[in-house]
PDB file of N, CA and C in Angstrom:
ATOM      1  N   UNK A   1      -2.302  -4.990 -59.309  1.00  0.00           N
ATOM      2  CA  UNK A   1      -3.642  -4.980 -59.868  1.00  0.00           C
ATOM      3  C   UNK A   1      -3.983  -3.554 -60.308  1.00  0.00           C
ATOM      4  N   UNK A   2      -4.447  -3.421 -61.498  1.00  0.00           N
ATOM      5  CA  UNK A   2      -4.765  -2.099 -62.051  1.00  0.00           C
ATOM      6  C   UNK A   2      -6.101  -1.600 -61.517  1.00  0.00           C
ATOM      7  N   UNK A   3      -6.165  -0.313 -61.276  1.00  0.00           N
ATOM      8  CA  UNK A   3      -7.396   0.352 -60.857  1.00  0.00           C
ATOM      9  C   UNK A   3      -7.530   1.593 -61.736  1.00  0.00           C
ATOM     10  N   UNK A   4      -7.996   1.418 -62.987  1.00  0.00           N
ATOM     11  CA  UNK A   4      -7.969   2.534 -63.945  1.00  0.00           C
ATOM     12  C   UNK A   4      -8.951   3.652 -63.621  1.00  0.00           C
ATOM     13  N   UNK A   5      -8.547   4.824 -63.998  1.00  0.00           N
ATOM     14  CA  UNK A   5      -9.368   6.022 -63.907  1.00  0.00           C
ATOM     15  C   UNK A   5      -9.351   6.631 -65.296  1.00  0.00           C
ATOM     16  N   UNK A   6     -10.501   7.072 -65.785  1.00  0.00           N
ATOM     17  CA  UNK A   6     -10.565   7.587 -67.153  1.00  0.00           C
ATOM     18  C   UNK A   6     -11.160   8.983 -67.185  1.00  0.00           C
ATOM     19  N   UNK A   7     -10.723   9.754 -68.156  1.00  0.00           N
ATOM     20  CA  UNK A   7     -11.270  11.081 -68.430  1.00  0.00           C
ATOM     21  C   UNK A   7     -11.308  11.232 -69.941  1.00  0.00           C
ATOM     22  N   UNK A   8     -12.442  11.629 -70.484  1.00  0.00           N
ATOM     23  CA  UNK A   8     -12.532  11.808 -71.928  1.00  0.00           C
ATOM     24  C   UNK A   8     -12.435  13.283 -72.293  1.00  0.00           C
ATOM     25  N   UNK A   9     -11.954  13.538 -73.497  1.00  0.00           N
ATOM     26  CA  UNK A   9     -11.937  14.882 -74.053  1.00  0.00           C
ATOM     27  C   UNK A   9     -12.085  14.757 -75.560  1.00  0.00           C
ATOM     28  N   UNK A  10     -12.556  15.820 -76.190  1.00  0.00           N
ATOM     29  CA  UNK A  10     -12.766  15.791 -77.632  1.00  0.00           C
ATOM     30  C   UNK A  10     -11.947  16.897 -78.284  1.00  0.00           C
ATOM     31  N   UNK A  11     -11.498  16.616 -79.493  1.00  0.00           N
ATOM     32  CA  UNK A  11     -10.795  17.601 -80.309  1.00  0.00           C
ATOM     33  C   UNK A  11     -11.765  18.039 -81.409  1.00  0.00           C
ATOM     34  N   UNK A  12     -12.086  19.312 -81.442  1.00  0.00           N
ATOM     35  CA  UNK A  12     -13.041  19.850 -82.414  1.00  0.00           C
ATOM     36  C   UNK A  12     -12.431  19.840 -83.816  1.00  0.00           C
ATOM     37  N   UNK A  13     -13.017  19.062 -84.725  1.00  0.00           N
ATOM     38  CA  UNK A  13     -12.479  18.935 -86.091  1.00  0.00           C
ATOM     39  C   UNK A  13     -12.581  20.241 -86.867  1.00  0.00           C
ATOM     40  N   UNK A  14     -13.510  21.125 -86.500  1.00  0.00           N
ATOM     41  CA  UNK A  14     -13.605  22.420 -87.180  1.00  0.00           C
ATOM     42  C   UNK A  14     -12.390  23.285 -86.869  1.00  0.00           C
ATOM     43  N   UNK A  15     -11.979  23.288 -85.615  1.00  0.00           N
ATOM     44  CA  UNK A  15     -10.824  24.093 -85.206  1.00  0.00           C
ATOM     45  C   UNK A  15      -9.494  23.388 -85.473  1.00  0.00           C
ATOM     46  N   UNK A  16      -9.502  22.059 -85.443  1.00  0.00           N
ATOM     47  CA  UNK A  16      -8.277  21.273 -85.615  1.00  0.00           C
ATOM     48  C   UNK A  16      -8.528  20.161 -86.638  1.00  0.00           C
ATOM     49  N   UNK A  17      -8.660  20.495 -87.912  1.00  0.00           N
ATOM     50  CA  UNK A  17      -8.995  19.480 -88.916  1.00  0.00           C
ATOM     51  C   UNK A  17      -7.944  18.375 -89.048  1.00  0.00           C
ATOM     52  N   UNK A  18      -6.703  18.660 -88.679  1.00  0.00           N
ATOM     53  CA  UNK A  18      -5.634  17.667 -88.757  1.00  0.00           C
ATOM     54  C   UNK A  18      -5.300  17.055 -87.402  1.00  0.00           C
ATOM     55  N   UNK A  19      -6.127  17.308 -86.407  1.00  0.00           N
ATOM     56  CA  UNK A  19      -5.853  16.822 -85.066  1.00  0.00           C
ATOM     57  C   UNK A  19      -4.930  17.773 -84.328  1.00  0.00           C
ATOM     58  N   UNK A  20      -4.359  17.324 -83.232  1.00  0.00           N
ATOM     59  CA  UNK A  20      -3.442  18.172 -82.462  1.00  0.00           C
ATOM     60  C   UNK A  20      -2.482  17.279 -81.674  1.00  0.00           C
ATOM     61  N   UNK A  21      -1.500  17.916 -81.049  1.00  0.00           N
ATOM     62  CA  UNK A  21      -0.533  17.226 -80.218  1.00  0.00           C
ATOM     63  C   UNK A  21      -0.801  17.561 -78.761  1.00  0.00           C
ATOM     64  N   UNK A  22      -0.782  16.558 -77.914  1.00  0.00           N
ATOM     65  CA  UNK A  22      -0.889  16.742 -76.474  1.00  0.00           C
ATOM     66  C   UNK A  22       0.539  16.789 -75.945  1.00  0.00           C
ATOM     67  N   UNK A  23       0.989  17.979 -75.516  1.00  0.00           N
ATOM     68  CA  UNK A  23       2.384  18.150 -75.093  1.00  0.00           C
ATOM     69  C   UNK A  23       2.606  17.840 -73.628  1.00  0.00           C
ATOM     70  N   UNK A  24       1.594  18.077 -72.798  1.00  0.00           N
ATOM     71  CA  UNK A  24       1.780  17.836 -71.370  1.00  0.00           C
ATOM     72  C   UNK A  24       0.422  17.633 -70.702  1.00  0.00           C
ATOM     73  N   UNK A  25       0.484  17.130 -69.497  1.00  0.00           N
ATOM     74  CA  UNK A  25      -0.711  16.937 -68.686  1.00  0.00           C
ATOM     75  C   UNK A  25      -0.316  17.137 -67.232  1.00  0.00           C
ATOM     76  N   UNK A  26      -1.192  17.743 -66.462  1.00  0.00           N
ATOM     77  CA  UNK A  26      -0.933  17.930 -65.035  1.00  0.00           C
ATOM     78  C   UNK A  26      -1.817  16.982 -64.245  1.00  0.00           C
ATOM     79  N   UNK A  27      -1.189  16.234 -63.354  1.00  0.00           N
ATOM     80  CA  UNK A  27      -1.897  15.335 -62.461  1.00  0.00           C
ATOM     81  C   UNK A  27      -1.515  15.692 -61.035  1.00  0.00           C
ATOM     82  N   UNK A  28      -2.474  15.643 -60.148  1.00  0.00           N
ATOM     83  CA  UNK A  28      -2.234  15.991 -58.756  1.00  0.00           C
ATOM     84  C   UNK A  28      -2.526  14.790 -57.872  1.00  0.00           C
ATOM     85  N   UNK A  29      -1.611  14.517 -56.926  1.00  0.00           N
ATOM     86  CA  UNK A  29      -1.725  13.352 -56.054  1.00  0.00           C
ATOM     87  C   UNK A  29      -1.679  13.786 -54.599  1.00  0.00           C
ATOM     88  N   UNK A  30      -2.611  13.284 -53.814  1.00  0.00           N
ATOM     89  CA  UNK A  30      -2.600  13.537 -52.378  1.00  0.00           C
ATOM     90  C   UNK A  30      -1.797  12.446 -51.660  1.00  0.00           C
ATOM     91  N   UNK A  31      -1.846  11.224 -52.196  1.00  0.00           N
ATOM     92  CA  UNK A  31      -1.069  10.109 -51.658  1.00  0.00           C
ATOM     93  C   UNK A  31      -0.465   9.339 -52.827  1.00  0.00           C
ATOM     94  N   UNK A  32       0.458   8.453 -52.498  1.00  0.00           N
ATOM     95  CA  UNK A  32       1.045   7.585 -53.520  1.00  0.00           C
ATOM     96  C   UNK A  32       1.469   6.280 -52.878  1.00  0.00           C
ATOM     97  N   UNK A  33       1.665   5.288 -53.718  1.00  0.00           N
ATOM     98  CA  UNK A  33       2.115   3.989 -53.253  1.00  0.00           C
ATOM     99  C   UNK A  33       3.599   4.052 -52.930  1.00  0.00           C
ATOM    100  N   UNK A  34       4.002   3.322 -51.914  1.00  0.00           N
ATOM    101  CA  UNK A  34       5.432   3.237 -51.591  1.00  0.00           C
ATOM    102  C   UNK A  34       6.036   1.962 -52.159  1.00  0.00           C
ATOM    103  N   UNK A  35       5.206   1.107 -52.740  1.00  0.00           N
ATOM    104  CA  UNK A  35       5.689  -0.134 -53.342  1.00  0.00           C
ATOM    105  C   UNK A  35       6.410   0.157 -54.652  1.00  0.00           C
ATOM    106  N   UNK A  36       7.378  -0.683 -54.991  1.00  0.00           N
ATOM    107  CA  UNK A  36       8.108  -0.505 -56.239  1.00  0.00           C
ATOM    108  C   UNK A  36       7.199  -0.618 -57.452  1.00  0.00           C
ATOM    109  N   UNK A  37       6.142  -1.403 -57.326  1.00  0.00           N
ATOM    110  CA  UNK A  37       5.215  -1.565 -58.450  1.00  0.00           C
ATOM    111  C   UNK A  37       4.087  -0.538 -58.405  1.00  0.00           C
ATOM    112  N   UNK A  38       4.272   0.542 -57.649  1.00  0.00           N
ATOM    113  CA  UNK A  38       3.256   1.583 -57.499  1.00  0.00           C
ATOM    114  C   UNK A  38       3.379   2.699 -58.519  1.00  0.00           C
ATOM    115  N   UNK A  39       3.915   2.397 -59.673  1.00  0.00           N
ATOM    116  CA  UNK A  39       4.081   3.407 -60.727  1.00  0.00           C
ATOM    117  C   UNK A  39       2.719   3.846 -61.263  1.00  0.00           C
ATOM    118  N   UNK A  40       2.680   5.045 -61.795  1.00  0.00           N
ATOM    119  CA  UNK A  40       1.484   5.553 -62.466  1.00  0.00           C
ATOM    120  C   UNK A  40       1.695   5.387 -63.966  1.00  0.00           C
ATOM    121  N   UNK A  41       0.727   4.765 -64.610  1.00  0.00           N
ATOM    122  CA  UNK A  41       0.794   4.553 -66.057  1.00  0.00           C
ATOM    123  C   UNK A  41      -0.321   5.365 -66.700  1.00  0.00           C
ATOM    124  N   UNK A  42       0.059   6.215 -67.638  1.00  0.00           N
ATOM    125  CA  UNK A  42      -0.884   7.066 -68.353  1.00  0.00           C
ATOM    126  C   UNK A  42      -0.856   6.677 -69.819  1.00  0.00           C
ATOM    127  N   UNK A  43      -2.025   6.515 -70.415  1.00  0.00           N
ATOM    128  CA  UNK A  43      -2.085   6.240 -71.853  1.00  0.00           C
ATOM    129  C   UNK A  43      -3.309   6.932 -72.435  1.00  0.00           C
ATOM    130  N   UNK A  44      -3.207   7.272 -73.697  1.00  0.00           N
ATOM    131  CA  UNK A  44      -4.310   7.888 -74.420  1.00  0.00           C
ATOM    132  C   UNK A  44      -4.911   6.804 -75.311  1.00  0.00           C
ATOM    133  N   UNK A  45      -6.207   6.552 -75.151  1.00  0.00           N
ATOM    134  CA  UNK A  45      -6.879   5.518 -75.941  1.00  0.00           C
ATOM    135  C   UNK A  45      -8.069   6.116 -76.673  1.00  0.00           C
ATOM    136  N   UNK A  46      -8.398   5.512 -77.787  1.00  0.00           N
ATOM    137  CA  UNK A  46      -9.595   5.922 -78.526  1.00  0.00           C
ATOM    138  C   UNK A  46     -10.837   5.513 -77.751  1.00  0.00           C
ATOM    139  N   UNK A  47     -11.930   6.220 -77.989  1.00  0.00           N
ATOM    140  CA  UNK A  47     -13.206   5.857 -77.401  1.00  0.00           C
ATOM    141  C   UNK A  47     -14.241   5.693 -78.501  1.00  0.00           C
ATOM    142  N   UNK A  48     -15.273   4.953 -78.194  1.00  0.00           N
ATOM    143  CA  UNK A  48     -16.405   4.769 -79.091  1.00  0.00           C
ATOM    144  C   UNK A  48     -17.658   4.867 -78.235  1.00  0.00           C
ATOM    145  N   UNK A  49     -18.501   5.847 -78.544  1.00  0.00           N
ATOM    146  CA  UNK A  49     -19.710   6.088 -77.753  1.00  0.00           C
ATOM    147  C   UNK A  49     -19.392   6.331 -76.276  1.00  0.00           C
ATOM    148  N   UNK A  50     -18.243   6.956 -76.016  1.00  0.00           N
ATOM    149  CA  UNK A  50     -17.858   7.295 -74.646  1.00  0.00           C
ATOM    150  C   UNK A  50     -17.143   6.208 -73.879  1.00  0.00           C
ATOM    151  N   UNK A  51     -16.916   5.059 -74.493  1.00  0.00           N
ATOM    152  CA  UNK A  51     -16.242   3.947 -73.822  1.00  0.00           C
ATOM    153  C   UNK A  51     -14.882   3.686 -74.463  1.00  0.00           C
ATOM    154  N   UNK A  52     -13.863   3.380 -73.652  1.00  0.00           N
ATOM    155  CA  UNK A  52     -12.538   3.074 -74.214  1.00  0.00           C
ATOM    156  C   UNK A  52     -12.590   1.856 -75.120  1.00  0.00           C
ATOM    157  N   UNK A  53     -11.914   1.955 -76.269  1.00  0.00           N
ATOM    158  CA  UNK A  53     -11.878   0.831 -77.206  1.00  0.00           C
ATOM    159  C   UNK A  53     -10.722  -0.107 -76.910  1.00  0.00           C
ATOM    160  N   UNK A  54      -9.751   0.355 -76.137  1.00  0.00           N
ATOM    161  CA  UNK A  54      -8.559  -0.440 -75.885  1.00  0.00           C
ATOM    162  C   UNK A  54      -7.469  -0.166 -76.906  1.00  0.00           C
ATOM    163  N   UNK A  55      -7.780   0.657 -77.903  1.00  0.00           N
ATOM    164  CA  UNK A  55      -6.811   1.011 -78.937  1.00  0.00           C
ATOM    165  C   UNK A  55      -5.986   2.209 -78.463  1.00  0.00           C
ATOM    166  N   UNK A  56      -4.741   1.960 -78.083  1.00  0.00           N
ATOM    167  CA  UNK A  56      -3.861   3.007 -77.556  1.00  0.00           C
ATOM    168  C   UNK A  56      -3.215   3.777 -78.695  1.00  0.00           C
ATOM    169  N   UNK A  57      -3.201   5.094 -78.587  1.00  0.00           N
ATOM    170  CA  UNK A  57      -2.545   5.920 -79.601  1.00  0.00           C
ATOM    171  C   UNK A  57      -1.039   5.702 -79.540  1.00  0.00           C
ATOM    172  N   UNK A  58      -0.395   5.721 -80.701  1.00  0.00           N
ATOM    173  CA  UNK A  58       1.055   5.540 -80.768  1.00  0.00           C
ATOM    174  C   UNK A  58       1.775   6.553 -79.885  1.00  0.00           C
ATOM    175  N   UNK A  59       2.780   6.091 -79.181  1.00  0.00           N
ATOM    176  CA  UNK A  59       3.661   6.922 -78.347  1.00  0.00           C
ATOM    177  C   UNK A  59       2.921   7.623 -77.202  1.00  0.00           C
ATOM    178  N   UNK A  60       1.779   7.104 -76.774  1.00  0.00           N
ATOM    179  CA  UNK A  60       1.007   7.807 -75.743  1.00  0.00           C
ATOM    180  C   UNK A  60       1.138   7.181 -74.362  1.00  0.00           C
ATOM    181  N   UNK A  61       1.904   6.131 -74.218  1.00  0.00           N
ATOM    182  CA  UNK A  61       2.029   5.479 -72.913  1.00  0.00           C
ATOM    183  C   UNK A  61       3.218   6.059 -72.154  1.00  0.00           C
ATOM    184  N   UNK A  62       2.948   6.537 -70.946  1.00  0.00           N
ATOM    185  CA  UNK A  62       3.994   7.076 -70.070  1.00  0.00           C
ATOM    186  C   UNK A  62       3.855   6.385 -68.717  1.00  0.00           C
ATOM    187  N   UNK A  63       4.951   5.876 -68.191  1.00  0.00           N
ATOM    188  CA  UNK A  63       4.955   5.257 -66.874  1.00  0.00           C
ATOM    189  C   UNK A  63       5.911   6.037 -65.979  1.00  0.00           C
ATOM    190  N   UNK A  64       5.413   6.442 -64.816  1.00  0.00           N
ATOM    191  CA  UNK A  64       6.215   7.234 -63.878  1.00  0.00           C
ATOM    192  C   UNK A  64       6.345   6.459 -62.568  1.00  0.00           C
ATOM    193  N   UNK A  65       7.583   6.177 -62.139  1.00  0.00           N
ATOM    194  CA  UNK A  65       7.785   5.435 -60.893  1.00  0.00           C
ATOM    195  C   UNK A  65       7.404   6.282 -59.673  1.00  0.00           C
ATOM    196  N   UNK A  66       7.079   5.630 -58.560  1.00  0.00           N
ATOM    197  CA  UNK A  66       6.624   6.357 -57.368  1.00  0.00           C
ATOM    198  C   UNK A  66       7.600   7.436 -56.883  1.00  0.00           C
ATOM    199  N   UNK A  67       8.909   7.184 -57.031  1.00  0.00           N
ATOM    200  CA  UNK A  67       9.880   8.169 -56.526  1.00  0.00           C
ATOM    201  C   UNK A  67       9.863   9.475 -57.321  1.00  0.00           C
ATOM    202  N   UNK A  68       9.245   9.493 -58.491  1.00  0.00           N
ATOM    203  CA  UNK A  68       9.150  10.712 -59.296  1.00  0.00           C
ATOM    204  C   UNK A  68       7.799  11.410 -59.128  1.00  0.00           C
ATOM    205  N   UNK A  69       6.938  10.872 -58.270  1.00  0.00           N
ATOM    206  CA  UNK A  69       5.608  11.446 -58.064  1.00  0.00           C
ATOM    207  C   UNK A  69       5.620  12.267 -56.783  1.00  0.00           C
ATOM    208  N   UNK A  70       5.308  13.537 -56.912  1.00  0.00           N
ATOM    209  CA  UNK A  70       5.205  14.422 -55.762  1.00  0.00           C
ATOM    210  C   UNK A  70       3.780  14.388 -55.234  1.00  0.00           C
ATOM    211  N   UNK A  71       3.639  14.512 -53.918  1.00  0.00           N
ATOM    212  CA  UNK A  71       2.312  14.569 -53.324  1.00  0.00           C
ATOM    213  C   UNK A  71       2.133  15.886 -52.592  1.00  0.00           C
ATOM    214  N   UNK A  72       0.874  16.315 -52.494  1.00  0.00           N
ATOM    215  CA  UNK A  72       0.579  17.578 -51.836  1.00  0.00           C
ATOM    216  C   UNK A  72      -0.897  17.646 -51.514  1.00  0.00           C
ATOM    217  N   UNK A  73      -1.234  18.384 -50.473  1.00  0.00           N
ATOM    218  CA  UNK A  73      -2.638  18.663 -50.161  1.00  0.00           C
ATOM    219  C   UNK A  73      -3.168  19.791 -51.034  1.00  0.00           C
ATOM    220  N   UNK A  74      -2.271  20.525 -51.682  1.00  0.00           N
ATOM    221  CA  UNK A  74      -2.664  21.655 -52.535  1.00  0.00           C
ATOM    222  C   UNK A  74      -2.493  21.282 -53.993  1.00  0.00           C
ATOM    223  N   UNK A  75      -3.160  22.003 -54.882  1.00  0.00           N
ATOM    224  CA  UNK A  75      -3.042  21.763 -56.322  1.00  0.00           C
ATOM    225  C   UNK A  75      -1.869  22.539 -56.893  1.00  0.00           C
ATOM    226  N   UNK A  76      -0.693  22.368 -56.333  1.00  0.00           N
ATOM    227  CA  UNK A  76       0.469  23.099 -56.839  1.00  0.00           C
ATOM    228  C   UNK A  76       1.622  22.166 -57.158  1.00  0.00           C
ATOM    229  N   UNK A  77       1.476  20.893 -56.926  1.00  0.00           N
ATOM    230  CA  UNK A  77       2.540  19.935 -57.191  1.00  0.00           C
ATOM    231  C   UNK A  77       2.117  19.048 -58.343  1.00  0.00           C
ATOM    232  N   UNK A  78       3.003  18.843 -59.309  1.00  0.00           N
ATOM    233  CA  UNK A  78       2.626  18.063 -60.481  1.00  0.00           C
ATOM    234  C   UNK A  78       3.502  16.840 -60.628  1.00  0.00           C
ATOM    235  N   UNK A  79       3.056  15.914 -61.459  1.00  0.00           N
ATOM    236  CA  UNK A  79       3.800  14.712 -61.769  1.00  0.00           C
ATOM    237  C   UNK A  79       5.008  15.117 -62.605  1.00  0.00           C
ATOM    238  N   UNK A  80       6.179  14.629 -62.239  1.00  0.00           N
ATOM    239  CA  UNK A  80       7.403  14.955 -62.974  1.00  0.00           C
ATOM    240  C   UNK A  80       7.745  13.801 -63.893  1.00  0.00           C
ATOM    241  N   UNK A  81       7.500  13.974 -65.185  1.00  0.00           N
ATOM    242  CA  UNK A  81       7.763  12.879 -66.116  1.00  0.00           C
ATOM    243  C   UNK A  81       9.150  12.953 -66.721  1.00  0.00           C
ATOM    244  N   UNK A  82       9.929  13.971 -66.398  1.00  0.00           N
ATOM    245  CA  UNK A  82      11.275  14.060 -66.975  1.00  0.00           C
ATOM    246  C   UNK A  82      12.322  13.533 -66.024  1.00  0.00           C
TER     247      UNK A  82
END
């Protein structure tokens, strides 16, 4: 069962008239699922008036299995997507 978490951000058209590329993202986890289906799925979706439209940007879906997710009490461990 999905339990989505969302964060919005804006790209300033004055500074980036052609848009931009998101090369990486850092996520920090204190705990993780030990189940095989406990993967983390990240996707970038368009929003309208601050709400997700459900329209996923091309090539923006990344799924990371639990064994590739590091956990830590400190903000020094990141999700390893490679």
